[in-house]
Amino acid sequence: MMPTPPQDSGNLEDARPAPVPGRVTIGLPTINRSRLAQRAIRSVLAQTYGNLELIVSDDLSTDDTLERVKEIADPRLVLFEQKQRLGLVANFDFCLRHATGEFFLLLGDDDVLEPQAIERLVQPYLSPAAGISPEAIGVVWCPCLIAGADSGRFWTTEPGPALESPAALLVELWAGNRGPRLSSILMRTQDGIAAGGYQQRYGDLCDIGCWGQVALEREQAVCIREPLVQYTNHYGSTTSQSAVRQWQQWAEVVHADLAAAAGAKHGRGAEAAIRRAKRNFLGGITLTILIQTIGKPGWIRNGVREAFRSPGVFFSPYIVRRLVKDGWKILKLRQHAKQR
């Protein structure tokens, strides 16, 4: 492990060196998840792709996370010990802005990369298929294996076509037909910074606020059609009526910015498609947050209350389609929660 670098106090952008060609920086922001963070770190260091950097940014953990990370001896690992709490969004952004690689992937501290994940995700940038310019690629993504914190696997998210427009990716994601997650999206580091990085105005949706704008700045999104990431679903976590409202508000801001970006880069047709998908986006966010209450007392009552609070979002063709298509997933999570 490399020694902890000094914290930057000046304008990092002014001092930023050129990114190392071909290097992939994996940012891993973490707090108080010692066991899971170790698992995530070891999955990075076991990658078949050699030219990588792992930035671990510890946001004032009070458990033994720092001690456990420091036990891992690998020159590719760079540990930052934050001296004051950054919070989720700022810690995400810290990792991006301290990356030295040409490419960047933000890895959740509870997620796991398959050994060939980075090698497969970076390939389209370095050796694109015939007829595709690397400069046309905004993001490369893959579907994910959804699992519990105990690594019990539930299902695999939906892949997309090998190549599609970024507006189509977003529209189909919000329709429930694409399965990228935070930890399964690779982009150019400089593109992420140029898009504004991970912004506080997007709250906990800062990941799609960032990568969505990165994707829309170029012509193509590439999907590697195999699950290369194990994404952890924390069923049974605490949420509330106010939390759902907050997520809906963040989604409103993200949607407005992505629609504007689509119009500016790809024209009125792309912007109109994004705008028409708003109800699906809000419905998906609402359903996702409510699913997190499964296994907690009152989770059914909470869902009913939310349905009456925002009927325009909840009683929609999208919600009906998702419940018909994916209702078994809710039952599976419920069964798993009862066994814990």
Protein backbone atom coordinates (compact mmCIF):
# COMPACT_ATOMS: atom_id res chain seq x y z
CA MET A 1 0.00 0.00 0.00
CA MET A 2 1.24 3.45 -0.87
CA PRO A 3 1.55 5.91 2.03
CA THR A 4 -1.35 8.26 2.61
CA PRO A 5 -0.84 11.32 0.38
CA PRO A 6 -1.24 14.79 1.84
CA GLN A 7 -4.69 16.34 1.50
CA ASP A 8 -4.93 18.96 -1.21
CA SER A 9 -5.94 22.39 0.00
CA GLY A 10 -5.59 24.38 -3.23
CA ASN A 11 -7.25 24.12 -6.60
CA LEU A 12 -6.74 20.52 -7.58
CA GLU A 13 -7.73 21.16 -11.19
CA ASP A 14 -4.91 23.69 -11.65
CA ALA A 15 -2.34 21.15 -10.48
CA ARG A 16 -3.80 18.08 -12.19
CA PRO A 17 -1.21 16.20 -14.26
CA ALA A 18 -2.18 14.49 -17.49
CA PRO A 19 -3.88 11.16 -16.76
CA VAL A 20 -1.79 8.02 -17.18
CA PRO A 21 -2.80 6.46 -20.53
CA GLY A 22 -4.59 3.15 -20.20
CA ARG A 23 -4.65 3.27 -16.40
CA VAL A 24 -7.97 2.59 -14.71
CA THR A 25 -8.53 4.27 -11.37
CA ILE A 26 -11.07 2.59 -9.14
CA GLY A 27 -12.43 4.90 -6.48
CA LEU A 28 -13.67 3.26 -3.30
CA PRO A 29 -15.19 5.70 -0.80
CA THR A 30 -15.94 4.00 2.49
CA ILE A 31 -17.05 4.48 6.07
CA ASN A 32 -17.58 1.89 8.82
CA ARG A 33 -17.77 -1.16 6.58
CA SER A 34 -14.57 -2.91 7.54
CA ARG A 35 -15.41 -6.44 6.40
CA LEU A 36 -17.22 -5.45 3.23
CA ALA A 37 -14.59 -2.87 2.27
CA GLN A 38 -11.85 -5.50 2.61
CA ARG A 39 -13.86 -7.77 0.31
CA ALA A 40 -14.25 -4.98 -2.27
CA ILE A 41 -10.56 -4.08 -2.11
CA ARG A 42 -9.39 -7.63 -2.60
CA SER A 43 -11.68 -7.99 -5.63
CA VAL A 44 -9.96 -4.96 -7.17
CA LEU A 45 -6.47 -6.21 -6.46
CA ALA A 46 -7.36 -9.59 -8.00
CA GLN A 47 -8.16 -8.03 -11.40
CA THR A 48 -6.60 -9.53 -14.50
CA TYR A 49 -6.03 -6.00 -15.84
CA GLY A 50 -2.70 -4.81 -14.48
CA ASN A 51 -2.62 -1.06 -15.18
CA LEU A 52 -4.85 0.09 -12.37
CA GLU A 53 -4.92 2.28 -9.29
CA LEU A 54 -7.20 1.82 -6.29
CA ILE A 55 -8.07 4.92 -4.28
CA VAL A 56 -9.65 4.19 -0.89
CA SER A 57 -11.04 7.29 0.80
CA ASP A 58 -12.02 6.62 4.41
CA ASP A 59 -14.57 9.14 5.67
CA LEU A 60 -13.70 9.06 9.39
CA SER A 61 -14.62 5.44 10.13
CA THR A 62 -15.05 4.63 13.80
CA ASP A 63 -14.65 0.87 13.34
CA ASP A 64 -11.44 -0.93 12.35
CA THR A 65 -11.67 -0.10 8.63
CA LEU A 66 -8.41 1.87 8.58
CA GLU A 67 -6.48 -0.80 10.42
CA ARG A 68 -7.72 -3.52 8.09
CA VAL A 69 -6.95 -1.50 4.94
CA LYS A 70 -3.44 -0.73 6.16
CA GLU A 71 -2.79 -4.46 6.49
CA ILE A 72 -3.13 -4.84 2.72
CA ALA A 73 0.29 -4.42 1.11
CA ASP A 74 -0.07 -3.49 -2.54
CA PRO A 75 1.57 -0.53 -4.32
CA ARG A 76 -1.59 0.02 -6.40
CA LEU A 77 -3.60 0.89 -3.29
CA VAL A 78 -3.63 4.56 -2.24
CA LEU A 79 -5.34 5.29 1.10
CA PHE A 80 -6.71 8.71 2.00
CA GLU A 81 -7.66 9.27 5.64
CA GLN A 82 -10.13 12.14 5.75
CA LYS A 83 -9.67 14.50 8.69
CA GLN A 84 -13.24 15.80 8.63
CA ARG A 85 -16.42 14.13 7.47
CA LEU A 86 -17.08 14.63 3.77
CA GLY A 87 -20.36 12.81 3.39
CA LEU A 88 -21.36 10.48 0.58
CA VAL A 89 -21.38 12.89 -2.36
CA ALA A 90 -18.18 14.74 -1.49
CA ASN A 91 -16.37 11.48 -0.85
CA PHE A 92 -17.43 10.18 -4.27
CA ASP A 93 -16.16 13.40 -5.82
CA PHE A 94 -12.90 13.26 -3.86
CA CYS A 95 -12.09 9.88 -5.39
CA LEU A 96 -12.77 11.12 -8.92
CA ARG A 97 -10.70 14.27 -8.57
CA HIS A 98 -7.71 12.42 -7.13
CA ALA A 99 -7.66 9.76 -9.83
CA THR A 100 -4.51 9.54 -11.94
CA GLY A 101 -5.88 7.07 -14.49
CA GLU A 102 -7.29 7.79 -17.91
CA PHE A 103 -10.43 5.88 -16.94
CA PHE A 104 -12.49 5.84 -13.75
CA LEU A 105 -14.90 3.44 -12.06
CA LEU A 106 -16.60 4.23 -8.76
CA LEU A 107 -16.95 1.05 -6.69
CA GLY A 108 -19.35 0.75 -3.79
CA ASP A 109 -17.54 -0.42 -0.67
CA ASP A 110 -19.98 -3.32 -0.39
CA ASP A 111 -19.72 -4.43 -4.04
CA VAL A 112 -17.41 -6.97 -5.68
CA LEU A 113 -15.72 -7.02 -9.08
CA GLU A 114 -15.38 -10.28 -10.97
CA PRO A 115 -11.67 -10.90 -11.80
CA GLN A 116 -12.02 -9.92 -15.47
CA ALA A 117 -14.31 -6.94 -14.89
CA ILE A 118 -11.87 -4.13 -15.63
CA GLU A 119 -10.18 -5.97 -18.49
CA ARG A 120 -13.56 -6.44 -20.18
CA LEU A 121 -14.91 -2.96 -19.44
CA VAL A 122 -11.84 -1.07 -20.66
CA GLN A 123 -11.44 -3.09 -23.85
CA PRO A 124 -13.90 -1.03 -25.98
CA TYR A 125 -11.93 2.14 -25.23
CA LEU A 126 -8.57 0.59 -26.06
CA SER A 127 -9.52 -1.86 -28.81
CA PRO A 128 -12.95 -0.91 -30.13
CA ALA A 129 -14.85 -3.04 -32.59
CA ALA A 130 -14.50 -2.30 -36.27
CA GLY A 131 -16.34 0.83 -37.30
CA ILE A 132 -16.46 2.33 -33.79
CA SER A 133 -14.28 5.27 -32.85
CA PRO A 134 -13.04 5.26 -29.24
CA GLU A 135 -13.84 8.97 -29.11
CA ALA A 136 -17.50 8.19 -29.75
CA ILE A 137 -17.79 6.08 -26.59
CA GLY A 138 -19.13 7.89 -23.54
CA VAL A 139 -19.54 5.04 -21.06
CA VAL A 140 -19.01 1.30 -20.97
CA TRP A 141 -21.23 -0.68 -18.62
CA CYS A 142 -22.32 -4.19 -17.75
CA PRO A 143 -25.25 -5.84 -15.95
CA CYS A 144 -24.81 -6.88 -12.32
CA LEU A 145 -25.41 -9.83 -10.07
CA ILE A 146 -27.68 -8.57 -7.28
CA ALA A 147 -26.72 -10.12 -3.96
CA GLY A 148 -27.12 -9.71 -0.24
CA ALA A 149 -24.33 -8.54 2.05
CA ASP A 150 -23.70 -12.23 2.79
CA SER A 151 -23.03 -12.77 -0.96
CA GLY A 152 -26.23 -14.76 -1.39
CA ARG A 153 -27.13 -14.09 -5.03
CA PHE A 154 -30.66 -13.04 -5.99
CA TRP A 155 -30.83 -12.23 -9.72
CA THR A 156 -28.97 -10.62 -12.62
CA THR A 157 -29.93 -7.21 -13.99
CA GLU A 158 -30.80 -6.72 -17.64
CA PRO A 159 -28.09 -6.17 -20.27
CA GLY A 160 -28.55 -3.90 -23.25
CA PRO A 161 -27.43 -4.04 -26.86
CA ALA A 162 -23.70 -3.93 -27.42
CA LEU A 163 -24.05 -0.40 -28.77
CA GLU A 164 -26.78 2.22 -28.34
CA SER A 165 -27.23 5.94 -27.98
CA PRO A 166 -26.84 7.36 -24.47
CA ALA A 167 -30.37 8.76 -24.56
CA ALA A 168 -31.71 5.28 -25.36
CA LEU A 169 -29.70 3.81 -22.48
CA LEU A 170 -31.23 6.27 -20.03
CA VAL A 171 -34.77 5.86 -21.33
CA GLU A 172 -34.53 2.06 -21.21
CA LEU A 173 -32.89 2.15 -17.78
CA TRP A 174 -35.83 4.11 -16.44
CA ALA A 175 -38.23 1.72 -18.14
CA GLY A 176 -36.64 -1.15 -16.21
CA ASN A 177 -34.99 -2.69 -19.28
CA ARG A 178 -31.33 -1.95 -18.53
CA GLY A 179 -29.31 -2.89 -15.46
CA PRO A 180 -26.26 -0.66 -14.91
CA ARG A 181 -25.44 0.14 -11.30
CA LEU A 182 -23.00 2.53 -9.67
CA SER A 183 -20.18 -0.02 -9.64
CA SER A 184 -20.59 -1.26 -13.23
CA ILE A 185 -19.92 1.92 -15.23
CA LEU A 186 -16.52 2.89 -16.64
CA MET A 187 -15.90 6.38 -18.03
CA ARG A 188 -13.02 8.68 -18.84
CA THR A 189 -11.79 10.48 -15.75
CA GLN A 190 -11.56 13.84 -17.51
CA ASP A 191 -15.11 13.46 -18.84
CA GLY A 192 -16.39 12.95 -15.31
CA ILE A 193 -14.62 16.04 -14.07
CA ALA A 194 -15.75 18.09 -17.07
CA ALA A 195 -19.35 17.09 -16.28
CA GLY A 196 -18.98 18.61 -12.82
CA GLY A 197 -18.13 15.43 -10.98
CA TYR A 198 -20.44 14.14 -8.27
CA GLN A 199 -22.58 17.12 -7.30
CA GLN A 200 -24.37 17.86 -4.04
CA ARG A 201 -27.46 19.11 -5.90
CA TYR A 202 -28.12 15.53 -7.01
CA GLY A 203 -27.85 14.09 -3.50
CA ASP A 204 -27.65 10.30 -3.39
CA LEU A 205 -28.40 10.24 -7.13
CA CYS A 206 -25.10 11.99 -7.85
CA ASP A 207 -23.82 8.88 -9.63
CA ILE A 208 -26.37 8.97 -12.45
CA GLY A 209 -26.16 12.74 -12.47
CA CYS A 210 -22.47 12.38 -13.31
CA TRP A 211 -22.29 9.35 -15.60
CA GLY A 212 -25.51 10.29 -17.36
CA GLN A 213 -24.04 13.62 -18.44
CA VAL A 214 -20.76 11.95 -19.38
CA ALA A 215 -22.63 9.48 -21.58
CA LEU A 216 -24.64 12.25 -23.25
CA GLU A 217 -21.51 14.17 -24.20
CA ARG A 218 -20.62 11.45 -26.73
CA GLU A 219 -22.44 9.39 -29.29
CA GLN A 220 -22.40 5.82 -28.01
CA ALA A 221 -22.84 3.75 -24.86
CA VAL A 222 -21.29 0.28 -24.92
CA CYS A 223 -22.63 -2.69 -22.97
CA ILE A 224 -20.51 -5.71 -22.08
CA ARG A 225 -23.32 -8.24 -21.92
CA GLU A 226 -22.11 -10.32 -19.01
CA PRO A 227 -22.45 -9.65 -15.26
CA LEU A 228 -19.01 -8.55 -14.09
CA VAL A 229 -20.03 -6.90 -10.81
CA GLN A 230 -21.74 -8.23 -7.70
CA TYR A 231 -23.94 -5.39 -6.45
CA THR A 232 -25.13 -5.57 -2.85
CA ASN A 233 -28.80 -4.96 -2.13
CA HIS A 234 -29.26 -3.85 1.48
CA TYR A 235 -32.79 -5.09 2.03
CA GLY A 236 -34.30 -4.11 5.36
CA SER A 237 -32.49 -0.77 5.65
CA THR A 238 -34.31 2.11 7.28
CA THR A 239 -36.20 4.56 5.10
CA SER A 240 -39.22 6.79 5.65
CA GLN A 241 -41.84 8.85 3.93
CA SER A 242 -39.57 11.90 3.99
CA ALA A 243 -36.72 9.84 2.52
CA VAL A 244 -38.89 8.90 -0.47
CA ARG A 245 -39.80 12.54 -1.02
CA GLN A 246 -36.14 13.52 -0.85
CA TRP A 247 -35.16 10.96 -3.47
CA GLN A 248 -37.98 12.13 -5.72
CA GLN A 249 -36.72 15.71 -5.41
CA TRP A 250 -33.18 14.63 -6.34
CA ALA A 251 -34.60 12.72 -9.31
CA GLU A 252 -36.41 15.85 -10.51
CA VAL A 253 -33.14 17.79 -10.59
CA VAL A 254 -31.18 14.99 -12.27
CA HIS A 255 -33.87 14.51 -14.89
CA ALA A 256 -34.03 18.19 -15.77
CA ASP A 257 -30.26 18.39 -16.24
CA LEU A 258 -30.04 15.21 -18.30
CA ALA A 259 -32.89 16.33 -20.55
CA ALA A 260 -31.12 19.65 -21.14
CA ALA A 261 -27.83 17.87 -21.85
CA ALA A 262 -29.53 15.52 -24.31
CA GLY A 263 -31.05 18.46 -26.17
CA ALA A 264 -27.79 20.39 -26.31
CA LYS A 265 -25.76 17.47 -27.67
CA HIS A 266 -28.20 15.23 -29.52
CA GLY A 267 -31.10 17.46 -30.51
CA ARG A 268 -34.78 17.81 -29.76
CA GLY A 269 -35.63 14.19 -30.39
CA ALA A 270 -33.27 12.93 -27.68
CA GLU A 271 -34.43 15.62 -25.28
CA ALA A 272 -38.07 14.76 -25.89
CA ALA A 273 -37.39 11.06 -25.27
CA ILE A 274 -35.70 11.87 -21.95
CA ARG A 275 -38.54 14.16 -20.89
CA ARG A 276 -41.20 11.56 -21.73
CA ALA A 277 -39.38 9.07 -19.50
CA LYS A 278 -39.64 11.26 -16.39
CA ARG A 279 -42.59 9.43 -14.87
CA ASN A 280 -40.80 6.11 -15.26
CA PHE A 281 -37.68 7.57 -13.61
CA LEU A 282 -39.64 8.85 -10.61
CA GLY A 283 -41.63 5.63 -10.37
CA GLY A 284 -38.48 3.53 -10.43
CA ILE A 285 -36.83 5.63 -7.73
CA THR A 286 -39.94 5.40 -5.54
CA LEU A 287 -40.22 1.64 -5.96
CA THR A 288 -36.51 1.11 -5.32
CA ILE A 289 -36.58 3.05 -2.04
CA LEU A 290 -39.72 1.30 -0.84
CA ILE A 291 -38.15 -2.09 -1.54
CA GLN A 292 -35.39 -1.17 0.92
CA THR A 293 -37.96 -1.33 3.75
CA ILE A 294 -38.71 -5.02 3.13
CA GLY A 295 -38.28 -6.94 6.35
CA LYS A 296 -38.80 -3.91 8.58
CA PRO A 297 -41.94 -3.53 10.74
CA GLY A 298 -44.58 -1.56 8.89
CA TRP A 299 -43.05 -1.91 5.43
CA ILE A 300 -46.42 -2.72 3.81
CA ARG A 301 -48.06 0.23 5.57
CA ASN A 302 -45.23 2.46 4.40
CA GLY A 303 -45.80 1.40 0.79
CA VAL A 304 -49.55 2.03 1.00
CA ARG A 305 -48.94 5.47 2.52
CA GLU A 306 -46.54 6.37 -0.27
CA ALA A 307 -49.03 5.19 -2.90
CA PHE A 308 -51.60 7.66 -1.61
CA ARG A 309 -49.07 10.45 -1.13
CA SER A 310 -47.89 10.40 -4.75
CA PRO A 311 -50.56 8.60 -6.79
CA GLY A 312 -49.38 10.13 -10.06
CA VAL A 313 -46.04 8.36 -9.64
CA PHE A 314 -47.20 5.18 -7.97
CA PHE A 315 -50.31 4.35 -10.00
CA SER A 316 -48.69 4.31 -13.40
CA PRO A 317 -48.27 1.81 -16.24
CA TYR A 318 -44.59 1.59 -15.31
CA ILE A 319 -45.28 0.43 -11.75
CA VAL A 320 -47.80 -2.13 -12.98
CA ARG A 321 -45.31 -3.49 -15.53
CA ARG A 322 -42.54 -3.69 -12.94
CA LEU A 323 -44.74 -5.46 -10.39
CA VAL A 324 -45.87 -7.99 -12.99
CA LYS A 325 -42.36 -8.49 -14.33
CA ASP A 326 -40.37 -8.27 -11.10
CA GLY A 327 -42.83 -8.89 -8.28
CA TRP A 328 -41.12 -12.21 -7.56
CA LYS A 329 -38.01 -10.27 -6.61
CA ILE A 330 -39.87 -8.56 -3.78
CA LEU A 331 -41.03 -11.95 -2.51
CA LYS A 332 -37.49 -13.28 -2.73
CA LEU A 333 -36.13 -10.36 -0.72
CA ARG A 334 -38.90 -10.77 1.83
CA GLN A 335 -38.11 -14.47 2.24
CA HIS A 336 -34.41 -13.75 2.60
CA ALA A 337 -35.08 -11.05 5.20
CA LYS A 338 -37.24 -13.44 7.26
CA GLN A 339 -34.39 -15.97 7.31
CA ARG A 340 -31.93 -13.49 8.76
